[in-house]
């Protein structure tokens, strides 16, 4: 029984050592925001497809003359046909 407890204790110490050393390798700022010299990506307005309701960036949307937007030409054509 004492051998089992000894090996459990050694395994715990090994796990603790790996956990402590692993955290130091990542550095203190590993989970923080990116450095200041990296510009943030610009945000883009979103549009909702009038046919299926999916949200997509306005640059990828297909807009028809009356202001409705669609995610694809197939949905634009399906809405025009109905």
PDB file of N, CA and C in Angstrom:
ATOM      1  N   UNK A   1       0.813  -1.196   0.000  1.00  0.00           N
ATOM      2  CA  UNK A   1       0.000   0.000   0.000  1.00  0.00           C
ATOM      3  C   UNK A   1       0.856   1.260   0.000  1.00  0.00           C
ATOM      4  N   UNK A   2       1.972   1.219   0.711  1.00  0.00           N
ATOM      5  CA  UNK A   2       2.818   2.401   0.743  1.00  0.00           C
ATOM      6  C   UNK A   2       3.472   2.646  -0.605  1.00  0.00           C
ATOM      7  N   UNK A   3       3.739   1.604  -1.364  1.00  0.00           N
ATOM      8  CA  UNK A   3       4.302   1.791  -2.713  1.00  0.00           C
ATOM      9  C   UNK A   3       3.313   2.509  -3.611  1.00  0.00           C
ATOM     10  N   UNK A   4       2.057   2.132  -3.529  1.00  0.00           N
ATOM     11  CA  UNK A   4       1.030   2.784  -4.358  1.00  0.00           C
ATOM     12  C   UNK A   4       0.933   4.257  -4.001  1.00  0.00           C
ATOM     13  N   UNK A   5       0.884   4.576  -2.734  1.00  0.00           N
ATOM     14  CA  UNK A   5       0.823   5.977  -2.316  1.00  0.00           C
ATOM     15  C   UNK A   5       2.077   6.737  -2.733  1.00  0.00           C
ATOM     16  N   UNK A   6       3.211   6.091  -2.671  1.00  0.00           N
ATOM     17  CA  UNK A   6       4.455   6.728  -3.108  1.00  0.00           C
ATOM     18  C   UNK A   6       4.395   7.080  -4.589  1.00  0.00           C
ATOM     19  N   UNK A   7       3.926   6.137  -5.437  1.00  0.00           N
ATOM     20  CA  UNK A   7       3.853   6.408  -6.872  1.00  0.00           C
ATOM     21  C   UNK A   7       2.774   7.438  -7.213  1.00  0.00           C
ATOM     22  N   UNK A   8       1.693   7.441  -6.467  1.00  0.00           N
ATOM     23  CA  UNK A   8       0.662   8.468  -6.655  1.00  0.00           C
ATOM     24  C   UNK A   8       1.238   9.833  -6.300  1.00  0.00           C
ATOM     25  N   UNK A   9       1.994   9.917  -5.231  1.00  0.00           N
ATOM     26  CA  UNK A   9       2.624  11.164  -4.836  1.00  0.00           C
ATOM     27  C   UNK A   9       3.631  11.630  -5.878  1.00  0.00           C
ATOM     28  N   UNK A  10       4.447  10.717  -6.408  1.00  0.00           N
ATOM     29  CA  UNK A  10       5.423  11.064  -7.461  1.00  0.00           C
ATOM     30  C   UNK A  10       4.694  11.546  -8.717  1.00  0.00           C
ATOM     31  N   UNK A  11       3.605  10.872  -9.088  1.00  0.00           N
ATOM     32  CA  UNK A  11       2.836  11.291 -10.263  1.00  0.00           C
ATOM     33  C   UNK A  11       2.237  12.677 -10.047  1.00  0.00           C
ATOM     34  N   UNK A  12       1.747  12.952  -8.840  1.00  0.00           N
ATOM     35  CA  UNK A  12       1.206  14.271  -8.537  1.00  0.00           C
ATOM     36  C   UNK A  12       2.282  15.348  -8.632  1.00  0.00           C
ATOM     37  N   UNK A  13       3.446  15.071  -8.095  1.00  0.00           N
ATOM     38  CA  UNK A  13       4.552  16.031  -8.181  1.00  0.00           C
ATOM     39  C   UNK A  13       4.966  16.271  -9.629  1.00  0.00           C
ATOM     40  N   UNK A  14       5.001  15.221 -10.437  1.00  0.00           N
ATOM     41  CA  UNK A  14       5.351  15.379 -11.855  1.00  0.00           C
ATOM     42  C   UNK A  14       4.309  16.235 -12.568  1.00  0.00           C
ATOM     43  N   UNK A  15       3.039  15.978 -12.291  1.00  0.00           N
ATOM     44  CA  UNK A  15       1.969  16.760 -12.908  1.00  0.00           C
ATOM     45  C   UNK A  15       2.068  18.225 -12.485  1.00  0.00           C
ATOM     46  N   UNK A  16       2.329  18.451 -11.212  1.00  0.00           N
ATOM     47  CA  UNK A  16       2.457  19.813 -10.705  1.00  0.00           C
ATOM     48  C   UNK A  16       3.641  20.532 -11.336  1.00  0.00           C
ATOM     49  N   UNK A  17       4.748  19.844 -11.487  1.00  0.00           N
ATOM     50  CA  UNK A  17       5.932  20.428 -12.100  1.00  0.00           C
ATOM     51  C   UNK A  17       5.688  20.785 -13.560  1.00  0.00           C
ATOM     52  N   UNK A  18       5.053  19.890 -14.294  1.00  0.00           N
ATOM     53  CA  UNK A  18       4.739  20.165 -15.707  1.00  0.00           C
ATOM     54  C   UNK A  18       3.786  21.341 -15.816  1.00  0.00           C
ATOM     55  N   UNK A  19       2.820  21.392 -14.937  1.00  0.00           N
ATOM     56  CA  UNK A  19       1.849  22.492 -14.971  1.00  0.00           C
ATOM     57  C   UNK A  19       2.509  23.832 -14.666  1.00  0.00           C
ATOM     58  N   UNK A  20       3.374  23.859 -13.695  1.00  0.00           N
ATOM     59  CA  UNK A  20       4.045  25.106 -13.336  1.00  0.00           C
ATOM     60  C   UNK A  20       5.022  25.547 -14.418  1.00  0.00           C
ATOM     61  N   UNK A  21       5.813  24.632 -14.947  1.00  0.00           N
ATOM     62  CA  UNK A  21       6.778  24.996 -15.979  1.00  0.00           C
ATOM     63  C   UNK A  21       6.098  25.302 -17.308  1.00  0.00           C
ATOM     64  N   UNK A  22       5.013  24.652 -17.592  1.00  0.00           N
ATOM     65  CA  UNK A  22       4.277  24.924 -18.832  1.00  0.00           C
ATOM     66  C   UNK A  22       3.704  26.320 -18.860  1.00  0.00           C
ATOM     67  N   UNK A  23       3.247  26.807 -17.725  1.00  0.00           N
ATOM     68  CA  UNK A  23       2.700  28.157 -17.651  1.00  0.00           C
ATOM     69  C   UNK A  23       3.763  29.214 -17.826  1.00  0.00           C
ATOM     70  N   UNK A  24       4.978  28.939 -17.410  1.00  0.00           N
ATOM     71  CA  UNK A  24       6.055  29.923 -17.547  1.00  0.00           C
ATOM     72  C   UNK A  24       6.527  30.041 -18.978  1.00  0.00           C
ATOM     73  N   UNK A  25       6.442  28.974 -19.735  1.00  0.00           N
ATOM     74  CA  UNK A  25       6.907  29.033 -21.125  1.00  0.00           C
ATOM     75  C   UNK A  25       6.009  29.914 -21.981  1.00  0.00           C
ATOM     76  N   UNK A  26       4.741  29.947 -21.665  1.00  0.00           N
ATOM     77  CA  UNK A  26       3.812  30.748 -22.460  1.00  0.00           C
ATOM     78  C   UNK A  26       4.001  32.234 -22.232  1.00  0.00           C
ATOM     79  N   UNK A  27       4.505  32.611 -21.111  1.00  0.00           N
ATOM     80  CA  UNK A  27       4.732  34.016 -20.815  1.00  0.00           C
ATOM     81  C   UNK A  27       3.558  34.617 -20.079  1.00  0.00           C
ATOM     82  N   UNK A  28       3.788  35.738 -19.442  1.00  0.00           N
ATOM     83  CA  UNK A  28       2.737  36.329 -18.628  1.00  0.00           C
ATOM     84  C   UNK A  28       1.611  36.950 -19.447  1.00  0.00           C
ATOM     85  N   UNK A  29       1.863  37.379 -20.668  1.00  0.00           N
ATOM     86  CA  UNK A  29       0.837  38.032 -21.461  1.00  0.00           C
ATOM     87  C   UNK A  29       0.244  37.158 -22.540  1.00  0.00           C
ATOM     88  N   UNK A  30       0.242  35.865 -22.353  1.00  0.00           N
ATOM     89  CA  UNK A  30      -0.219  34.955 -23.403  1.00  0.00           C
ATOM     90  C   UNK A  30      -1.700  35.105 -23.695  1.00  0.00           C
ATOM     91  N   UNK A  31      -2.500  35.455 -22.699  1.00  0.00           N
ATOM     92  CA  UNK A  31      -3.936  35.553 -22.918  1.00  0.00           C
ATOM     93  C   UNK A  31      -4.400  36.999 -23.053  1.00  0.00           C
ATOM     94  N   UNK A  32      -3.504  37.944 -23.101  1.00  0.00           N
ATOM     95  CA  UNK A  32      -3.885  39.338 -23.213  1.00  0.00           C
ATOM     96  C   UNK A  32      -4.096  39.713 -24.672  1.00  0.00           C
ATOM     97  N   UNK A  33      -4.578  40.924 -24.899  1.00  0.00           N
ATOM     98  CA  UNK A  33      -4.842  41.411 -26.248  1.00  0.00           C
ATOM     99  C   UNK A  33      -3.535  41.556 -27.030  1.00  0.00           C
ATOM    100  N   UNK A  34      -3.618  41.643 -28.368  1.00  0.00           N
ATOM    101  CA  UNK A  34      -2.407  41.753 -29.175  1.00  0.00           C
ATOM    102  C   UNK A  34      -1.636  43.036 -28.884  1.00  0.00           C
ATOM    103  N   UNK A  35      -0.374  43.093 -29.274  1.00  0.00           N
ATOM    104  CA  UNK A  35       0.423  44.298 -29.028  1.00  0.00           C
ATOM    105  C   UNK A  35      -0.203  45.531 -29.684  1.00  0.00           C
ATOM    106  N   UNK A  36       0.194  46.684 -29.192  1.00  0.00           N
ATOM    107  CA  UNK A  36      -0.382  47.946 -29.650  1.00  0.00           C
ATOM    108  C   UNK A  36      -0.048  48.218 -31.112  1.00  0.00           C
ATOM    109  N   UNK A  37       1.096  47.753 -31.607  1.00  0.00           N
ATOM    110  CA  UNK A  37       1.498  48.073 -32.972  1.00  0.00           C
ATOM    111  C   UNK A  37       0.731  47.286 -34.031  1.00  0.00           C
ATOM    112  N   UNK A  38      -0.119  46.338 -33.638  1.00  0.00           N
ATOM    113  CA  UNK A  38      -0.933  45.588 -34.587  1.00  0.00           C
ATOM    114  C   UNK A  38      -2.278  46.296 -34.702  1.00  0.00           C
ATOM    115  N   UNK A  39      -2.610  46.833 -35.874  1.00  0.00           N
ATOM    116  CA  UNK A  39      -3.881  47.549 -35.997  1.00  0.00           C
ATOM    117  C   UNK A  39      -5.057  46.574 -35.948  1.00  0.00           C
ATOM    118  N   UNK A  40      -6.145  46.958 -35.319  1.00  0.00           N
ATOM    119  CA  UNK A  40      -7.314  46.081 -35.276  1.00  0.00           C
ATOM    120  C   UNK A  40      -7.972  45.991 -36.653  1.00  0.00           C
ATOM    121  N   UNK A  41      -8.592  44.851 -36.901  1.00  0.00           N
ATOM    122  CA  UNK A  41      -9.293  44.697 -38.175  1.00  0.00           C
ATOM    123  C   UNK A  41     -10.530  45.584 -38.183  1.00  0.00           C
ATOM    124  N   UNK A  42     -10.817  46.220 -39.302  1.00  0.00           N
ATOM    125  CA  UNK A  42     -11.999  47.078 -39.358  1.00  0.00           C
ATOM    126  C   UNK A  42     -13.277  46.244 -39.293  1.00  0.00           C
ATOM    127  N   UNK A  43     -14.275  46.781 -38.641  1.00  0.00           N
ATOM    128  CA  UNK A  43     -15.552  46.091 -38.576  1.00  0.00           C
ATOM    129  C   UNK A  43     -16.362  46.403 -39.821  1.00  0.00           C
ATOM    130  N   UNK A  44     -17.300  45.548 -40.122  1.00  0.00           N
ATOM    131  CA  UNK A  44     -18.108  45.728 -41.320  1.00  0.00           C
ATOM    132  C   UNK A  44     -19.568  45.516 -40.950  1.00  0.00           C
ATOM    133  N   UNK A  45     -20.422  46.284 -41.576  1.00  0.00           N
ATOM    134  CA  UNK A  45     -21.853  46.153 -41.317  1.00  0.00           C
ATOM    135  C   UNK A  45     -22.354  44.811 -41.837  1.00  0.00           C
ATOM    136  N   UNK A  46     -23.369  44.289 -41.163  1.00  0.00           N
ATOM    137  CA  UNK A  46     -23.938  43.004 -41.537  1.00  0.00           C
ATOM    138  C   UNK A  46     -25.310  43.220 -42.158  1.00  0.00           C
ATOM    139  N   UNK A  47     -25.678  42.302 -43.043  1.00  0.00           N
ATOM    140  CA  UNK A  47     -26.990  42.327 -43.685  1.00  0.00           C
ATOM    141  C   UNK A  47     -27.637  40.966 -43.483  1.00  0.00           C
ATOM    142  N   UNK A  48     -28.961  40.931 -43.546  1.00  0.00           N
ATOM    143  CA  UNK A  48     -29.687  39.680 -43.395  1.00  0.00           C
ATOM    144  C   UNK A  48     -30.352  39.327 -44.714  1.00  0.00           C
ATOM    145  N   UNK A  49     -30.195  38.070 -45.126  1.00  0.00           N
ATOM    146  CA  UNK A  49     -30.797  37.604 -46.370  1.00  0.00           C
ATOM    147  C   UNK A  49     -32.315  37.635 -46.224  1.00  0.00           C
ATOM    148  N   UNK A  50     -32.988  38.230 -47.200  1.00  0.00           N
ATOM    149  CA  UNK A  50     -34.440  38.330 -47.164  1.00  0.00           C
ATOM    150  C   UNK A  50     -35.100  36.976 -47.415  1.00  0.00           C
ATOM    151  N   UNK A  51     -34.379  36.016 -47.947  1.00  0.00           N
ATOM    152  CA  UNK A  51     -34.964  34.708 -48.251  1.00  0.00           C
ATOM    153  C   UNK A  51     -34.774  33.713 -47.101  1.00  0.00           C
ATOM    154  N   UNK A  52     -33.532  33.515 -46.618  1.00  0.00           N
ATOM    155  CA  UNK A  52     -33.270  32.478 -45.611  1.00  0.00           C
ATOM    156  C   UNK A  52     -32.953  33.048 -44.232  1.00  0.00           C
ATOM    157  N   UNK A  53     -32.663  34.328 -44.119  1.00  0.00           N
ATOM    158  CA  UNK A  53     -32.425  34.938 -42.823  1.00  0.00           C
ATOM    159  C   UNK A  53     -30.995  34.885 -42.325  1.00  0.00           C
ATOM    160  N   UNK A  54     -30.070  34.335 -43.121  1.00  0.00           N
ATOM    161  CA  UNK A  54     -28.682  34.256 -42.681  1.00  0.00           C
ATOM    162  C   UNK A  54     -28.064  35.651 -42.680  1.00  0.00           C
ATOM    163  N   UNK A  55     -27.181  35.900 -41.712  1.00  0.00           N
ATOM    164  CA  UNK A  55     -26.481  37.184 -41.634  1.00  0.00           C
ATOM    165  C   UNK A  55     -25.136  37.055 -42.332  1.00  0.00           C
ATOM    166  N   UNK A  56     -24.777  38.061 -43.112  1.00  0.00           N
ATOM    167  CA  UNK A  56     -23.514  38.069 -43.829  1.00  0.00           C
ATOM    168  C   UNK A  56     -23.018  39.504 -43.969  1.00  0.00           C
ATOM    169  N   UNK A  57     -21.701  39.684 -44.231  1.00  0.00           N
ATOM    170  CA  UNK A  57     -21.175  41.036 -44.423  1.00  0.00           C
ATOM    171  C   UNK A  57     -21.820  41.699 -45.644  1.00  0.00           C
ATOM    172  N   UNK A  58     -22.015  42.998 -45.551  1.00  0.00           N
ATOM    173  CA  UNK A  58     -22.663  43.702 -46.660  1.00  0.00           C
ATOM    174  C   UNK A  58     -21.843  43.638 -47.942  1.00  0.00           C
ATOM    175  N   UNK A  59     -20.525  43.456 -47.826  1.00  0.00           N
ATOM    176  CA  UNK A  59     -19.708  43.355 -49.037  1.00  0.00           C
ATOM    177  C   UNK A  59     -19.974  42.052 -49.788  1.00  0.00           C
ATOM    178  N   UNK A  60     -20.483  41.029 -49.114  1.00  0.00           N
ATOM    179  CA  UNK A  60     -20.796  39.758 -49.766  1.00  0.00           C
ATOM    180  C   UNK A  60     -22.266  39.650 -50.148  1.00  0.00           C
ATOM    181  N   UNK A  61     -23.082  40.590 -49.699  1.00  0.00           N
ATOM    182  CA  UNK A  61     -24.519  40.525 -49.952  1.00  0.00           C
ATOM    183  C   UNK A  61     -24.849  41.025 -51.347  1.00  0.00           C
ATOM    184  N   UNK A  62     -25.930  40.508 -51.878  1.00  0.00           N
ATOM    185  CA  UNK A  62     -26.453  40.951 -53.177  1.00  0.00           C
ATOM    186  C   UNK A  62     -27.669  41.807 -52.879  1.00  0.00           C
ATOM    187  N   UNK A  63     -27.611  43.071 -53.262  1.00  0.00           N
ATOM    188  CA  UNK A  63     -28.692  44.008 -52.985  1.00  0.00           C
ATOM    189  C   UNK A  63     -29.461  44.279 -54.268  1.00  0.00           C
ATOM    190  N   UNK A  64     -30.776  44.213 -54.174  1.00  0.00           N
ATOM    191  CA  UNK A  64     -31.633  44.516 -55.334  1.00  0.00           C
ATOM    192  C   UNK A  64     -32.135  45.938 -55.215  1.00  0.00           C
ATOM    193  N   UNK A  65     -32.809  46.410 -56.237  1.00  0.00           N
ATOM    194  CA  UNK A  65     -33.220  47.810 -56.323  1.00  0.00           C
ATOM    195  C   UNK A  65     -34.102  48.295 -55.198  1.00  0.00           C
ATOM    196  N   UNK A  66     -34.947  47.445 -54.641  1.00  0.00           N
ATOM    197  CA  UNK A  66     -35.845  47.900 -53.585  1.00  0.00           C
ATOM    198  C   UNK A  66     -35.207  47.866 -52.200  1.00  0.00           C
ATOM    199  N   UNK A  67     -33.911  47.549 -52.109  1.00  0.00           N
ATOM    200  CA  UNK A  67     -33.190  47.586 -50.848  1.00  0.00           C
ATOM    201  C   UNK A  67     -33.068  46.254 -50.139  1.00  0.00           C
ATOM    202  N   UNK A  68     -33.717  45.201 -50.636  1.00  0.00           N
ATOM    203  CA  UNK A  68     -33.584  43.890 -50.007  1.00  0.00           C
ATOM    204  C   UNK A  68     -32.228  43.287 -50.342  1.00  0.00           C
ATOM    205  N   UNK A  69     -31.684  42.523 -49.413  1.00  0.00           N
ATOM    206  CA  UNK A  69     -30.390  41.884 -49.617  1.00  0.00           C
ATOM    207  C   UNK A  69     -30.551  40.368 -49.564  1.00  0.00           C
ATOM    208  N   UNK A  70     -29.689  39.693 -50.332  1.00  0.00           N
ATOM    209  CA  UNK A  70     -29.708  38.232 -50.409  1.00  0.00           C
ATOM    210  C   UNK A  70     -28.285  37.710 -50.263  1.00  0.00           C
ATOM    211  N   UNK A  71     -28.176  36.453 -49.798  1.00  0.00           N
ATOM    212  CA  UNK A  71     -26.855  35.862 -49.595  1.00  0.00           C
ATOM    213  C   UNK A  71     -26.311  35.237 -50.870  1.00  0.00           C
ATOM    214  N   UNK A  72     -27.161  34.954 -51.848  1.00  0.00           N
ATOM    215  CA  UNK A  72     -26.694  34.347 -53.092  1.00  0.00           C
ATOM    216  C   UNK A  72     -27.651  34.709 -54.220  1.00  0.00           C
ATOM    217  N   UNK A  73     -27.174  34.481 -55.439  1.00  0.00           N
ATOM    218  CA  UNK A  73     -28.049  34.747 -56.592  1.00  0.00           C
ATOM    219  C   UNK A  73     -29.198  33.754 -56.635  1.00  0.00           C
ATOM    220  N   UNK A  74     -28.999  32.551 -56.127  1.00  0.00           N
ATOM    221  CA  UNK A  74     -30.073  31.559 -56.114  1.00  0.00           C
ATOM    222  C   UNK A  74     -31.230  32.033 -55.235  1.00  0.00           C
ATOM    223  N   UNK A  75     -30.917  32.635 -54.094  1.00  0.00           N
ATOM    224  CA  UNK A  75     -31.974  33.130 -53.226  1.00  0.00           C
ATOM    225  C   UNK A  75     -32.625  34.380 -53.803  1.00  0.00           C
ATOM    226  N   UNK A  76     -31.840  35.211 -54.481  1.00  0.00           N
ATOM    227  CA  UNK A  76     -32.409  36.374 -55.145  1.00  0.00           C
ATOM    228  C   UNK A  76     -33.383  35.931 -56.221  1.00  0.00           C
ATOM    229  N   UNK A  77     -32.976  34.941 -57.025  1.00  0.00           N
ATOM    230  CA  UNK A  77     -33.840  34.444 -58.095  1.00  0.00           C
ATOM    231  C   UNK A  77     -35.070  33.729 -57.548  1.00  0.00           C
ATOM    232  N   UNK A  78     -34.897  33.003 -56.430  1.00  0.00           N
ATOM    233  CA  UNK A  78     -36.039  32.304 -55.829  1.00  0.00           C
ATOM    234  C   UNK A  78     -37.056  33.298 -55.295  1.00  0.00           C
ATOM    235  N   UNK A  79     -36.599  34.392 -54.735  1.00  0.00           N
ATOM    236  CA  UNK A  79     -37.514  35.414 -54.218  1.00  0.00           C
ATOM    237  C   UNK A  79     -38.211  36.134 -55.372  1.00  0.00           C
ATOM    238  N   UNK A  80     -37.509  36.313 -56.464  1.00  0.00           N
ATOM    239  CA  UNK A  80     -38.124  36.981 -57.623  1.00  0.00           C
ATOM    240  C   UNK A  80     -39.155  36.078 -58.291  1.00  0.00           C
ATOM    241  N   UNK A  81     -38.950  34.782 -58.226  1.00  0.00           N
ATOM    242  CA  UNK A  81     -39.864  33.837 -58.863  1.00  0.00           C
ATOM    243  C   UNK A  81     -41.112  33.563 -58.049  1.00  0.00           C
ATOM    244  N   UNK A  82     -41.114  33.884 -56.769  1.00  0.00           N
ATOM    245  CA  UNK A  82     -42.288  33.560 -55.955  1.00  0.00           C
ATOM    246  C   UNK A  82     -43.253  34.707 -55.849  1.00  0.00           C
TER     247      UNK A  82
END
